[in-house]
Amino acid sequence: MAEGRTSLQYYLLTTAKISRCGEGRGWDGGKPLEPPYLLLFSLPAAVCEGNFTCTNNEVCVRPNECRCRHGYFGANCETKCPRLFWGPDCKELCNCYPNGQCEDVTGQCTCNANRWGPRCENVCPCKHGKCDQKTGKCSCEPNWWGPQCASACYCSLNSQCDQKTGLCLCQPGWWGRTCNNQCACSNSPCEQFTGRCQCRSRTFGPRCDRYCQCHMGKCNQVDGTCTCEPGYRGKFCREACPAGFYGQGCRRRCGQCKELQPCTIVDGRCLACEAGWNGTKCDQICSSGFYGEGCEQICPPCKDGHTCNHINGKCSHCNPGWIGDRCETKCRNGTYGENCAFVCSSCFNGECHFETGRCLCQAGFHGTFCNLTCPTGHYGANCAELCNCHKDSCNPFTGLCHMEANQRMGVIGAGVLLIFLLCLLSLLSCCCICRKKDQARDIRQDLARKKSSRRLCGQFSQISLKLPRIPLRRQKLPKVVVAHHDLENTLNCSFIEPPSVVDQPSPSWSSRGSFSSFDTTDEGPVYCVPHEGQ
């Protein structure tokens, strides 16, 4: 016998068989296999081939080879494992024995009636009942109760004993401590300990023998008054909620449903919401920063972080002194404060502040209504500046010092002198203008005389003596007017060349350049040099 094994284990291990499938026979002679071959039970199932399959208590381990199922052993796999063993070829020892039996495949214990625990090692404490094999909790037999089913119940046949409390649980139609009293409630149940009727639906009265008339509601079991379901009202709950109301007793108002559509009378749901509202009942305003239909529009930036109106997007609140859709306009027309709702008081020499309404005085005035001149020694806005003059006497508006009598005379004299100088300058300007006008008139008269028809002949220098010399600004070349009306005297029209230095009759002829232009008569510009000898 092998060391460390029982006689039964040795017998099982040495007599375990594995059959080999073959054509025309099912076994290979029944030869015992060595212990290493006993591990073949862990291989995946295979399909046996040939004209037959494995028997009921066999399993195919590979083609043409069968072995015994778990829980069976022997040459023909017909012998079931003894209670002490389980598993493949019954080689695993059962640890539940002798208080239970192992399952053939998993080895899980199934305890005997009076045992519980993982290995069935605990004795059940139940006197008149069975215990749970995992927890040991007792399940009492009829008419017994308590943790160990040791207490007897005293209930009638019309009841069932509560195994935890021992109280009698009456069957319908019976009441009392032992359930031996019959209810008188017209087929409705009664309260177990008092016998008071518990009327079924749509019945009421002391014996539940009267029928309710509530259409959409429940009636009181005592007096039959109706309690309407949400969405209905009236004595018998036949009237649905009017438009705009819903809920229990029609006491709740609908939310802001779109286009004043009615909400559902039961729970107040709306198909769609008006602009600025959301939620299934349209009773929630848009979240901060959003407005409009579906609350999908983003608010514009309002002044000082205020939010916009949830319906139209306008700024719903402005700081004092500001109005407008975006709070961008100051109060005006003598108003101030929140929403420009307050009228300014009379500010005689100033204006009121658009936010607070306080008078802001002009320079030189002070007081609540700006009606007081700055006191001596002060000037400027709110009379906050100090005068820097002799005897602290200055102008309350500008701060300029008041002058003494001699200072005033000096100023007056300086003013008179200034006026005299301005008059003298104006007189000189008039004289210059008149002189220039006279010169221009003389020139026009000379030109008119020169326009008479005559012949110009002789040397160039003689022509220059006869022609008038008119200086133009600072140019040194004279500007002459040549008019020719004598058709018999021909002239060679060209640029007039200036005379030589010897022939110059006047210092004004000092340039060697050509004349730039001549004044014209009504015959057009003429540039002429008369031929000599004519």
Protein backbone atom coordinates (compact mmCIF):
# COMPACT_ATOMS: atom_id res chain seq x y z
CA MET A 1 0.00 0.00 0.00
CA ALA A 2 1.36 3.42 -0.92
CA GLU A 3 2.57 5.57 1.98
CA GLY A 4 0.14 8.32 3.15
CA ARG A 5 -2.95 6.96 1.38
CA THR A 6 -5.98 5.10 2.70
CA SER A 7 -6.81 1.68 1.34
CA LEU A 8 -9.80 3.13 -0.55
CA GLN A 9 -7.69 5.85 -2.17
CA TYR A 10 -5.14 3.29 -3.26
CA TYR A 11 -7.89 1.16 -4.72
CA LEU A 12 -9.39 4.05 -6.66
CA LEU A 13 -6.10 5.23 -8.09
CA THR A 14 -4.93 1.81 -9.19
CA THR A 15 -8.22 0.78 -10.76
CA ALA A 16 -8.98 4.00 -12.69
CA LYS A 17 -9.39 3.30 -16.39
CA ILE A 18 -9.28 5.34 -19.56
CA SER A 19 -10.91 3.64 -22.55
CA ARG A 20 -9.55 3.90 -26.06
CA CYS A 21 -12.13 4.09 -28.80
CA GLY A 22 -11.56 1.67 -31.67
CA GLU A 23 -13.42 0.20 -34.54
CA GLY A 24 -15.76 -2.58 -33.40
CA ARG A 25 -14.89 -2.37 -29.66
CA GLY A 26 -15.08 0.16 -26.92
CA TRP A 27 -12.10 -0.69 -24.68
CA ASP A 28 -8.45 -1.39 -25.12
CA GLY A 29 -8.38 -4.39 -22.84
CA GLY A 30 -8.95 -2.66 -19.52
CA LYS A 31 -5.30 -2.15 -18.68
CA PRO A 32 -4.63 0.17 -15.71
CA LEU A 33 -2.94 3.48 -16.56
CA GLU A 34 -0.16 4.99 -14.56
CA PRO A 35 -0.98 7.96 -12.23
CA PRO A 36 0.33 10.64 -14.67
CA TYR A 37 -2.49 9.72 -17.06
CA LEU A 38 -5.03 10.68 -14.41
CA LEU A 39 -4.44 14.38 -15.24
CA LEU A 40 -6.19 14.04 -18.59
CA PHE A 41 -9.50 15.19 -17.06
CA SER A 42 -8.37 18.80 -17.39
CA LEU A 43 -8.08 18.66 -21.17
CA PRO A 44 -10.81 20.30 -23.28
CA ALA A 45 -13.55 18.07 -24.65
CA ALA A 46 -12.86 16.33 -27.95
CA VAL A 47 -15.06 14.50 -30.46
CA CYS A 48 -14.77 10.74 -30.49
CA GLU A 49 -14.79 9.21 -33.95
CA GLY A 50 -15.98 5.82 -35.18
CA ASN A 51 -19.27 3.95 -35.10
CA PHE A 52 -19.99 4.74 -31.41
CA THR A 53 -19.67 7.47 -28.71
CA CYS A 54 -18.75 7.47 -25.03
CA THR A 55 -21.26 6.01 -22.54
CA ASN A 56 -23.42 8.06 -20.16
CA ASN A 57 -20.84 8.19 -17.39
CA GLU A 58 -17.90 8.90 -19.72
CA VAL A 59 -16.49 12.04 -21.31
CA CYS A 60 -14.36 12.33 -24.44
CA VAL A 61 -10.92 13.76 -23.70
CA ARG A 62 -9.44 13.48 -27.21
CA PRO A 63 -10.32 11.72 -30.46
CA ASN A 64 -10.95 7.98 -29.95
CA GLU A 65 -10.41 8.28 -26.17
CA CYS A 66 -13.01 8.44 -23.31
CA ARG A 67 -12.72 8.64 -19.53
CA CYS A 68 -15.02 8.57 -16.49
CA ARG A 69 -17.06 11.62 -15.52
CA HIS A 70 -16.47 13.33 -12.19
CA GLY A 71 -18.11 11.33 -9.43
CA TYR A 72 -17.69 7.93 -11.16
CA PHE A 73 -14.92 5.37 -11.35
CA GLY A 74 -14.33 1.74 -12.30
CA ALA A 75 -13.53 -0.16 -15.46
CA ASN A 76 -16.90 0.71 -17.00
CA CYS A 77 -17.36 4.04 -15.12
CA GLU A 78 -20.50 2.61 -13.50
CA THR A 79 -19.55 3.02 -9.84
CA LYS A 80 -20.47 6.29 -8.04
CA CYS A 81 -17.92 7.85 -5.70
CA PRO A 82 -18.37 7.00 -2.02
CA ARG A 83 -19.52 9.89 0.24
CA LEU A 84 -15.95 10.39 1.41
CA PHE A 85 -14.63 11.22 -2.10
CA TRP A 86 -15.48 13.45 -5.10
CA GLY A 87 -13.96 14.77 -8.34
CA PRO A 88 -12.26 13.03 -11.30
CA ASP A 89 -11.85 9.31 -10.66
CA CYS A 90 -13.08 10.04 -7.08
CA LYS A 91 -9.58 10.97 -6.00
CA GLU A 92 -10.49 14.15 -3.98
CA LEU A 93 -11.19 13.72 -0.27
CA CYS A 94 -14.51 15.26 0.96
CA ASN A 95 -14.04 17.53 4.00
CA CYS A 96 -17.78 17.54 4.87
CA TYR A 97 -17.85 13.90 5.86
CA PRO A 98 -19.56 12.53 7.94
CA ASN A 99 -21.92 15.57 8.56
CA GLY A 100 -22.58 16.18 4.88
CA GLN A 101 -21.81 15.13 1.31
CA CYS A 102 -19.58 16.76 -1.35
CA GLU A 103 -20.90 17.66 -4.78
CA ASP A 104 -19.20 15.50 -7.42
CA VAL A 105 -17.74 18.32 -9.58
CA THR A 106 -17.14 21.28 -7.22
CA GLY A 107 -16.79 19.52 -3.86
CA GLN A 108 -19.32 21.92 -2.25
CA CYS A 109 -20.84 20.55 0.91
CA THR A 110 -24.51 19.64 1.29
CA CYS A 111 -25.07 19.36 5.04
CA ASN A 112 -27.29 16.91 6.84
CA ALA A 113 -30.59 18.19 8.28
CA ASN A 114 -29.15 19.11 11.69
CA ARG A 115 -25.90 20.66 10.46
CA TRP A 116 -24.75 24.01 8.95
CA GLY A 117 -21.52 25.81 8.03
CA PRO A 118 -18.91 25.64 5.19
CA ARG A 119 -17.89 22.12 6.29
CA CYS A 120 -21.12 21.26 8.10
CA GLU A 121 -19.24 21.59 11.36
CA ASN A 122 -22.05 23.41 13.30
CA VAL A 123 -25.08 21.84 14.96
CA CYS A 124 -28.46 23.48 14.21
CA PRO A 125 -30.07 25.11 17.31
CA CYS A 126 -33.63 24.89 15.96
CA LYS A 127 -36.00 22.97 18.24
CA HIS A 128 -39.01 22.82 15.90
CA GLY A 129 -37.68 23.79 12.51
CA LYS A 130 -34.81 23.69 10.03
CA CYS A 131 -31.73 25.88 9.87
CA ASP A 132 -30.13 27.53 6.88
CA GLN A 133 -27.01 25.53 5.94
CA LYS A 134 -25.00 28.73 5.33
CA THR A 135 -26.20 31.08 8.11
CA GLY A 136 -27.75 28.70 10.67
CA LYS A 137 -30.97 30.81 10.80
CA CYS A 138 -34.02 28.82 11.84
CA SER A 139 -37.18 28.35 9.77
CA CYS A 140 -39.87 27.29 12.24
CA GLU A 141 -42.52 24.67 11.74
CA PRO A 142 -46.18 25.83 11.77
CA ASN A 143 -47.42 27.10 15.19
CA TRP A 144 -43.88 27.62 16.48
CA TRP A 145 -41.92 30.87 16.71
CA GLY A 146 -38.77 32.44 18.16
CA PRO A 147 -35.05 32.49 17.22
CA GLN A 148 -34.75 28.76 17.90
CA CYS A 149 -38.39 27.86 17.19
CA ALA A 150 -38.87 26.98 20.84
CA SER A 151 -42.12 28.93 21.53
CA ALA A 152 -45.59 27.65 20.63
CA CYS A 153 -48.23 29.80 18.90
CA TYR A 154 -51.87 29.94 20.07
CA CYS A 155 -53.69 30.98 16.91
CA SER A 156 -56.91 29.73 15.40
CA LEU A 157 -57.20 28.03 12.06
CA ASN A 158 -58.15 31.40 10.53
CA SER A 159 -54.68 32.80 11.02
CA GLN A 160 -50.98 32.23 10.62
CA CYS A 161 -48.40 32.62 13.36
CA ASP A 162 -45.68 35.23 12.87
CA GLN A 163 -42.43 33.26 13.45
CA LYS A 164 -40.62 36.40 14.69
CA THR A 165 -43.21 37.92 17.06
CA GLY A 166 -45.63 35.04 17.75
CA LEU A 167 -48.62 37.25 16.82
CA CYS A 168 -51.51 35.77 14.94
CA LEU A 169 -51.89 37.14 11.38
CA CYS A 170 -55.59 36.90 10.57
CA GLN A 171 -56.88 35.79 7.22
CA PRO A 172 -59.18 38.24 5.35
CA GLY A 173 -62.60 38.50 7.05
CA TRP A 174 -61.38 37.67 10.56
CA TRP A 175 -60.12 39.74 13.49
CA GLY A 176 -59.12 39.45 17.14
CA ARG A 177 -55.98 38.39 19.00
CA THR A 178 -56.45 34.77 17.99
CA CYS A 179 -58.43 35.64 14.82
CA ASN A 180 -61.63 33.96 15.95
CA ASN A 181 -63.98 36.93 15.23
CA GLN A 182 -65.57 37.40 11.81
CA CYS A 183 -65.61 40.86 10.17
CA ALA A 184 -68.96 42.52 9.32
CA CYS A 185 -67.76 44.75 6.46
CA SER A 186 -69.61 43.60 3.33
CA ASN A 187 -66.68 41.65 1.89
CA SER A 188 -64.16 44.34 2.87
CA PRO A 189 -61.37 43.53 5.33
CA CYS A 190 -61.35 44.81 8.89
CA GLU A 191 -58.65 46.00 11.24
CA GLN A 192 -57.19 42.97 13.03
CA PHE A 193 -57.30 44.17 16.64
CA THR A 194 -60.37 46.50 16.60
CA GLY A 195 -62.53 44.94 13.91
CA ARG A 196 -63.08 48.35 12.26
CA CYS A 197 -63.90 48.01 8.60
CA GLN A 198 -61.29 48.95 6.00
CA CYS A 199 -63.46 49.65 2.99
CA ARG A 200 -62.39 48.61 -0.44
CA SER A 201 -62.08 51.08 -3.30
CA ARG A 202 -65.27 53.04 -4.13
CA THR A 203 -67.10 51.95 -0.95
CA PHE A 204 -67.62 53.73 2.36
CA GLY A 205 -69.65 53.66 5.55
CA PRO A 206 -69.36 51.83 8.91
CA ARG A 207 -69.96 48.50 7.18
CA CYS A 208 -68.57 49.51 3.76
CA ASP A 209 -72.02 49.01 2.27
CA ARG A 210 -72.31 52.38 0.45
CA TYR A 211 -70.83 53.22 -2.95
CA CYS A 212 -68.80 56.36 -3.78
CA GLN A 213 -69.76 58.72 -6.61
CA CYS A 214 -66.31 60.29 -7.08
CA HIS A 215 -65.52 60.39 -10.79
CA MET A 216 -61.80 61.36 -10.71
CA GLY A 217 -60.85 60.93 -7.07
CA LYS A 218 -61.11 58.89 -3.89
CA CYS A 219 -63.89 59.05 -1.34
CA ASN A 220 -63.59 59.20 2.41
CA GLN A 221 -64.35 55.76 3.86
CA VAL A 222 -66.37 57.29 6.68
CA ASP A 223 -68.58 59.95 5.06
CA GLY A 224 -67.95 59.43 1.32
CA THR A 225 -66.62 62.94 0.57
CA CYS A 226 -64.41 63.08 -2.52
CA THR A 227 -60.71 63.92 -2.62
CA CYS A 228 -60.06 64.82 -6.25
CA GLU A 229 -57.04 63.74 -8.21
CA PRO A 230 -54.69 66.50 -9.49
CA GLY A 231 -56.30 68.34 -12.39
CA TYR A 232 -59.92 67.97 -11.24
CA ARG A 233 -62.29 69.71 -8.85
CA GLY A 234 -65.94 69.77 -7.81
CA LYS A 235 -68.06 67.79 -5.35
CA PHE A 236 -67.70 64.59 -7.34
CA CYS A 237 -64.40 65.48 -9.11
CA ARG A 238 -66.02 65.72 -12.51
CA GLU A 239 -64.77 69.21 -13.46
CA ALA A 240 -61.32 69.62 -15.03
CA CYS A 241 -59.13 72.57 -14.08
CA PRO A 242 -59.83 75.78 -16.03
CA ALA A 243 -57.22 77.17 -18.42
CA GLY A 244 -54.24 78.57 -16.57
CA PHE A 245 -54.55 76.30 -13.51
CA TYR A 246 -53.47 72.78 -12.63
CA GLY A 247 -52.68 70.40 -9.79
CA GLN A 248 -54.42 69.40 -6.60
CA GLY A 249 -57.69 71.29 -6.32
CA CYS A 250 -56.69 73.40 -9.37
CA ARG A 251 -55.00 75.81 -6.97
CA ARG A 252 -51.71 76.21 -8.83
CA ARG A 253 -51.20 78.61 -11.72
CA CYS A 254 -49.58 77.55 -14.97
CA GLY A 255 -46.17 78.92 -15.84
CA GLN A 256 -45.31 81.16 -18.79
CA CYS A 257 -46.50 78.84 -21.54
CA LYS A 258 -45.92 80.18 -25.05
CA GLU A 259 -48.74 82.22 -26.57
CA LEU A 260 -50.88 81.65 -23.45
CA GLN A 261 -51.39 77.99 -24.29
CA PRO A 262 -52.85 75.97 -21.38
CA CYS A 263 -50.60 73.69 -19.39
CA THR A 264 -51.44 70.08 -18.56
CA ILE A 265 -54.00 70.01 -15.78
CA VAL A 266 -52.23 67.27 -13.82
CA ASP A 267 -48.61 68.41 -13.55
CA GLY A 268 -48.58 71.85 -15.24
CA ARG A 269 -46.26 71.01 -18.13
CA CYS A 270 -46.03 73.38 -21.12
CA LEU A 271 -45.41 72.48 -24.73
CA ALA A 272 -43.17 75.56 -25.14
CA CYS A 273 -42.20 78.57 -23.03
CA GLU A 274 -42.47 82.29 -23.57
CA ALA A 275 -39.26 84.23 -24.09
CA GLY A 276 -37.28 84.53 -20.89
CA TRP A 277 -38.62 81.35 -19.25
CA ASN A 278 -37.59 77.72 -19.22
CA GLY A 279 -38.25 74.44 -17.41
CA THR A 280 -40.90 71.81 -18.05
CA LYS A 281 -43.47 74.09 -16.39
CA CYS A 282 -42.00 77.34 -17.75
CA ASP A 283 -41.81 78.67 -14.21
CA GLN A 284 -38.07 79.33 -14.10
CA ILE A 285 -36.52 82.51 -15.46
CA CYS A 286 -33.42 82.31 -17.63
CA SER A 287 -30.12 81.81 -15.89
CA SER A 288 -28.08 84.92 -15.22
CA GLY A 289 -26.45 86.16 -18.43
CA PHE A 290 -29.06 84.70 -20.81
CA TYR A 291 -32.41 85.86 -22.19
CA GLY A 292 -34.95 85.33 -24.95
CA GLU A 293 -36.81 82.31 -26.28
CA GLY A 294 -35.33 79.12 -24.94
CA CYS A 295 -32.88 81.25 -22.92
CA GLU A 296 -30.41 80.83 -25.78
CA GLN A 297 -29.44 84.50 -26.25
CA ILE A 298 -26.43 85.89 -24.38
CA CYS A 299 -26.95 89.15 -22.51
CA PRO A 300 -25.02 92.22 -23.71
CA PRO A 301 -22.64 93.78 -21.19
CA CYS A 302 -24.58 96.07 -18.85
CA LYS A 303 -22.88 98.83 -16.89
CA ASP A 304 -21.12 97.84 -13.67
CA GLY A 305 -21.86 94.14 -14.13
CA HIS A 306 -25.64 94.28 -13.87
CA THR A 307 -27.56 91.51 -15.65
CA CYS A 308 -29.99 92.08 -18.49
CA ASN A 309 -33.73 91.52 -18.51
CA HIS A 310 -34.43 87.81 -19.01
CA ILE A 311 -37.14 88.56 -21.60
CA ASN A 312 -35.84 91.30 -23.93
CA GLY A 313 -32.14 91.49 -23.04
CA LYS A 314 -32.28 95.08 -21.81
CA CYS A 315 -30.31 95.99 -18.73
CA SER A 316 -32.78 95.50 -15.92
CA HIS A 317 -31.04 97.76 -13.44
CA CYS A 318 -28.74 100.77 -13.81
CA ASN A 319 -26.61 102.58 -11.32
CA PRO A 320 -28.09 105.85 -10.02
CA GLY A 321 -27.70 108.56 -12.64
CA TRP A 322 -27.82 106.25 -15.67
CA ILE A 323 -30.61 105.06 -17.97
CA GLY A 324 -30.95 103.29 -21.33
CA ASP A 325 -31.01 99.73 -22.62
CA ARG A 326 -27.31 99.41 -21.81
CA CYS A 327 -27.20 102.01 -18.99
CA GLU A 328 -25.14 104.24 -21.26
CA THR A 329 -27.03 107.55 -20.92
CA LYS A 330 -26.57 110.04 -18.08
CA CYS A 331 -29.56 111.67 -16.44
CA ARG A 332 -30.38 115.02 -17.99
CA ASN A 333 -33.03 117.75 -18.06
CA GLY A 334 -32.65 118.40 -14.37
CA THR A 335 -33.10 114.80 -13.17
CA TYR A 336 -30.90 112.50 -11.14
CA GLY A 337 -30.79 109.25 -9.17
CA GLU A 338 -32.01 105.75 -9.91
CA ASN A 339 -33.86 105.62 -13.24
CA CYS A 340 -33.49 109.44 -13.31
CA ALA A 341 -36.72 109.60 -11.32
CA PHE A 342 -35.81 112.55 -9.10
CA VAL A 343 -35.96 116.24 -10.02
CA CYS A 344 -32.99 118.41 -9.10
CA SER A 345 -33.48 121.27 -6.64
CA SER A 346 -32.71 124.87 -7.69
CA CYS A 347 -28.95 125.32 -8.09
CA PHE A 348 -28.68 129.12 -8.64
CA ASN A 349 -25.03 129.24 -9.70
CA GLY A 350 -24.28 125.65 -10.63
CA GLU A 351 -25.81 122.35 -11.70
CA CYS A 352 -26.89 119.24 -9.82
CA HIS A 353 -24.91 116.00 -9.93
CA PHE A 354 -26.63 113.40 -12.13
CA GLU A 355 -26.11 110.62 -9.59
CA THR A 356 -26.69 112.26 -6.20
CA GLY A 357 -28.61 115.44 -7.04
CA ARG A 358 -26.16 117.54 -5.05
CA CYS A 359 -25.50 121.06 -6.41
CA LEU A 360 -22.07 121.46 -8.02
CA CYS A 361 -21.30 125.17 -7.69
CA GLN A 362 -19.51 127.33 -10.22
CA ALA A 363 -16.22 128.93 -9.25
CA GLY A 364 -16.77 131.68 -6.73
CA PHE A 365 -19.95 130.25 -5.16
CA HIS A 366 -20.78 127.81 -2.41
CA GLY A 367 -23.68 126.61 -0.29
CA THR A 368 -26.35 123.94 -0.65
CA PHE A 369 -27.98 125.82 -3.52
CA CYS A 370 -24.82 127.63 -4.76
CA ASN A 371 -26.35 130.96 -3.79
CA LEU A 372 -23.49 132.26 -1.62
CA THR A 373 -20.40 134.10 -2.88
CA CYS A 374 -17.03 132.97 -1.59
CA PRO A 375 -16.06 134.68 1.67
CA THR A 376 -13.14 137.11 1.77
CA GLY A 377 -9.82 135.38 1.27
CA HIS A 378 -11.21 132.44 -0.75
CA TYR A 379 -12.00 131.83 -4.40
CA GLY A 380 -12.50 129.09 -6.99
CA ALA A 381 -14.55 125.88 -6.98
CA ASN A 382 -16.27 125.34 -3.64
CA CYS A 383 -14.25 128.37 -2.41
CA ALA A 384 -11.46 125.94 -1.61
CA GLU A 385 -8.57 128.14 -2.86
CA LEU A 386 -6.91 130.79 -0.67
CA CYS A 387 -6.22 134.28 -2.03
CA ASN A 388 -2.57 135.34 -2.32
CA CYS A 389 -3.11 139.11 -2.31
CA HIS A 390 -2.58 142.07 -0.05
CA LYS A 391 -5.20 142.04 2.70
CA ASP A 392 -6.46 138.69 1.25
CA SER A 393 -8.66 140.57 -1.16
CA CYS A 394 -9.07 138.80 -4.51
CA ASN A 395 -11.67 138.10 -7.14
CA PRO A 396 -13.86 135.22 -5.84
CA PHE A 397 -14.11 133.71 -9.34
CA THR A 398 -10.57 134.04 -10.75
CA GLY A 399 -8.45 134.73 -7.70
CA LEU A 400 -6.97 137.91 -9.23
CA CYS A 401 -6.00 140.54 -6.73
CA HIS A 402 -8.03 143.74 -6.40
CA MET A 403 -5.96 146.88 -7.37
CA GLU A 404 -5.39 150.07 -5.36
CA ALA A 405 -6.48 153.51 -6.71
CA ASN A 406 -3.05 154.42 -8.13
CA GLN A 407 -2.74 150.97 -9.71
CA ARG A 408 -6.09 151.41 -11.40
CA MET A 409 -5.01 154.82 -12.81
CA GLY A 410 -1.85 153.28 -14.24
CA VAL A 411 -3.81 150.55 -15.90
CA ILE A 412 -6.27 153.08 -17.35
CA GLY A 413 -3.40 155.19 -18.74
CA ALA A 414 -1.79 152.15 -20.31
CA GLY A 415 -5.08 151.29 -21.92
CA VAL A 416 -5.52 154.78 -23.36
CA LEU A 417 -1.96 154.72 -24.77
CA LEU A 418 -2.58 151.37 -26.36
CA ILE A 419 -5.74 152.65 -28.02
CA PHE A 420 -3.85 155.71 -29.38
CA LEU A 421 -1.13 153.53 -30.87
CA LEU A 422 -3.68 151.32 -32.54
CA CYS A 423 -5.41 154.35 -34.07
CA LEU A 424 -2.09 155.73 -35.36
CA LEU A 425 -1.18 152.42 -36.91
CA SER A 426 -4.55 152.27 -38.64
CA LEU A 427 -4.06 155.82 -40.07
CA LEU A 428 -0.65 154.95 -41.51
CA SER A 429 -2.04 151.83 -43.10
CA CYS A 430 -4.78 153.85 -44.78
CA CYS A 431 -2.26 156.35 -46.17
CA CYS A 432 -0.13 153.59 -47.69
CA ILE A 433 -3.13 152.00 -49.30
CA CYS A 434 -4.31 155.31 -50.76
CA ARG A 435 -0.86 156.07 -52.19
CA LYS A 436 -0.70 152.71 -53.89
CA LYS A 437 -4.11 153.30 -55.37
CA ASP A 438 -2.98 156.69 -56.75
CA GLN A 439 0.11 155.16 -58.34
CA ALA A 440 -1.95 152.46 -59.94
CA ARG A 441 -4.34 155.08 -61.32
CA ASP A 442 -1.46 157.11 -62.81
CA ILE A 443 -0.06 154.01 -64.47
CA ARG A 444 -3.39 153.16 -66.03
CA GLN A 445 -3.66 156.73 -67.35
CA ASP A 446 -0.16 156.60 -68.89
CA LEU A 447 -0.94 153.31 -70.52
CA ALA A 448 -4.09 154.75 -71.99
CA ARG A 449 -2.12 157.60 -73.55
CA LYS A 450 0.46 155.16 -74.99
CA LYS A 451 -2.27 153.22 -76.72
CA SER A 452 -2.63 155.99 -79.34
CA SER A 453 -1.30 155.10 -82.81
CA ARG A 454 2.29 156.18 -83.47
CA ARG A 455 5.51 154.95 -85.04
CA LEU A 456 8.40 153.84 -82.90
CA CYS A 457 11.76 154.06 -84.64
CA GLY A 458 15.40 154.73 -84.03
CA GLN A 459 17.95 152.93 -81.95
CA PHE A 460 16.93 150.52 -79.19
CA SER A 461 18.08 153.03 -76.65
CA GLN A 462 15.75 155.63 -78.16
CA ILE A 463 12.84 153.20 -77.82
CA SER A 464 13.69 152.55 -74.23
CA LEU A 465 13.60 156.29 -73.52
CA LYS A 466 10.17 156.62 -75.02
CA LEU A 467 8.71 153.57 -73.22
CA PRO A 468 7.51 153.91 -69.66
CA ARG A 469 9.38 151.99 -67.03
CA ILE A 470 7.19 150.22 -64.47
CA PRO A 471 8.99 148.25 -61.77
CA LEU A 472 7.31 144.93 -60.92
CA ARG A 473 7.92 144.00 -57.29
CA ARG A 474 11.71 143.66 -57.11
CA GLN A 475 12.36 142.68 -60.71
CA LYS A 476 14.91 144.78 -62.55
CA LEU A 477 13.36 144.29 -66.00
CA PRO A 478 10.75 146.87 -66.86
CA LYS A 479 7.33 145.86 -67.93
CA VAL A 480 6.24 147.77 -71.06
CA VAL A 481 3.08 147.95 -73.08
CA VAL A 482 3.57 148.01 -76.85
CA ALA A 483 0.48 148.67 -78.92
CA HIS A 484 0.67 148.93 -82.71
CA HIS A 485 -2.23 150.33 -84.68
CA ASP A 486 -0.41 151.64 -87.77
CA LEU A 487 -0.77 148.96 -90.40
CA GLU A 488 1.82 150.63 -92.66
CA ASN A 489 4.58 150.32 -90.10
CA THR A 490 5.73 146.74 -89.94
CA LEU A 491 7.42 145.31 -86.89
CA ASN A 492 9.56 142.26 -86.49
CA CYS A 493 7.95 140.45 -83.55
CA SER A 494 10.42 138.70 -81.34
CA PHE A 495 11.76 138.84 -77.82
CA ILE A 496 13.12 142.26 -76.99
CA GLU A 497 16.77 142.02 -76.31
CA PRO A 498 18.01 144.24 -73.54
CA PRO A 499 20.34 147.08 -74.65
CA SER A 500 24.05 147.04 -74.11
CA VAL A 501 25.54 148.55 -71.02
CA VAL A 502 26.57 151.65 -73.01
CA ASP A 503 23.06 152.25 -74.28
CA GLN A 504 21.35 151.71 -70.93
CA PRO A 505 19.34 154.83 -70.15
CA SER A 506 18.35 153.75 -66.68
CA PRO A 507 19.81 151.74 -63.81
CA SER A 508 16.75 149.52 -64.01
CA TRP A 509 18.15 147.95 -67.19
CA SER A 510 20.76 145.83 -65.54
CA SER A 511 19.86 142.29 -66.56
CA ARG A 512 21.02 140.51 -69.71
CA GLY A 513 18.00 138.20 -69.64
CA SER A 514 15.02 138.43 -71.93
CA PHE A 515 11.76 140.00 -70.88
CA SER A 516 9.40 137.45 -69.45
CA SER A 517 6.16 139.04 -70.70
CA PHE A 518 4.36 142.22 -71.67
CA ASP A 519 0.99 143.57 -70.82
CA THR A 520 -1.42 143.25 -73.68
CA THR A 521 -3.84 145.48 -75.47
CA ASP A 522 -7.09 144.27 -76.87
CA GLU A 523 -5.09 143.06 -79.92
CA GLY A 524 -3.21 140.49 -77.84
CA PRO A 525 0.38 140.32 -76.58
CA VAL A 526 3.01 141.77 -78.94
CA TYR A 527 6.77 141.32 -78.55
CA CYS A 528 8.31 143.82 -80.96
CA VAL A 529 11.68 145.30 -81.85
CA PRO A 530 11.32 148.10 -84.45
CA HIS A 531 13.69 147.94 -87.45
CA GLU A 532 16.28 150.68 -87.59
CA GLY A 533 15.87 153.28 -90.32
CA GLN A 534 12.11 153.19 -90.15
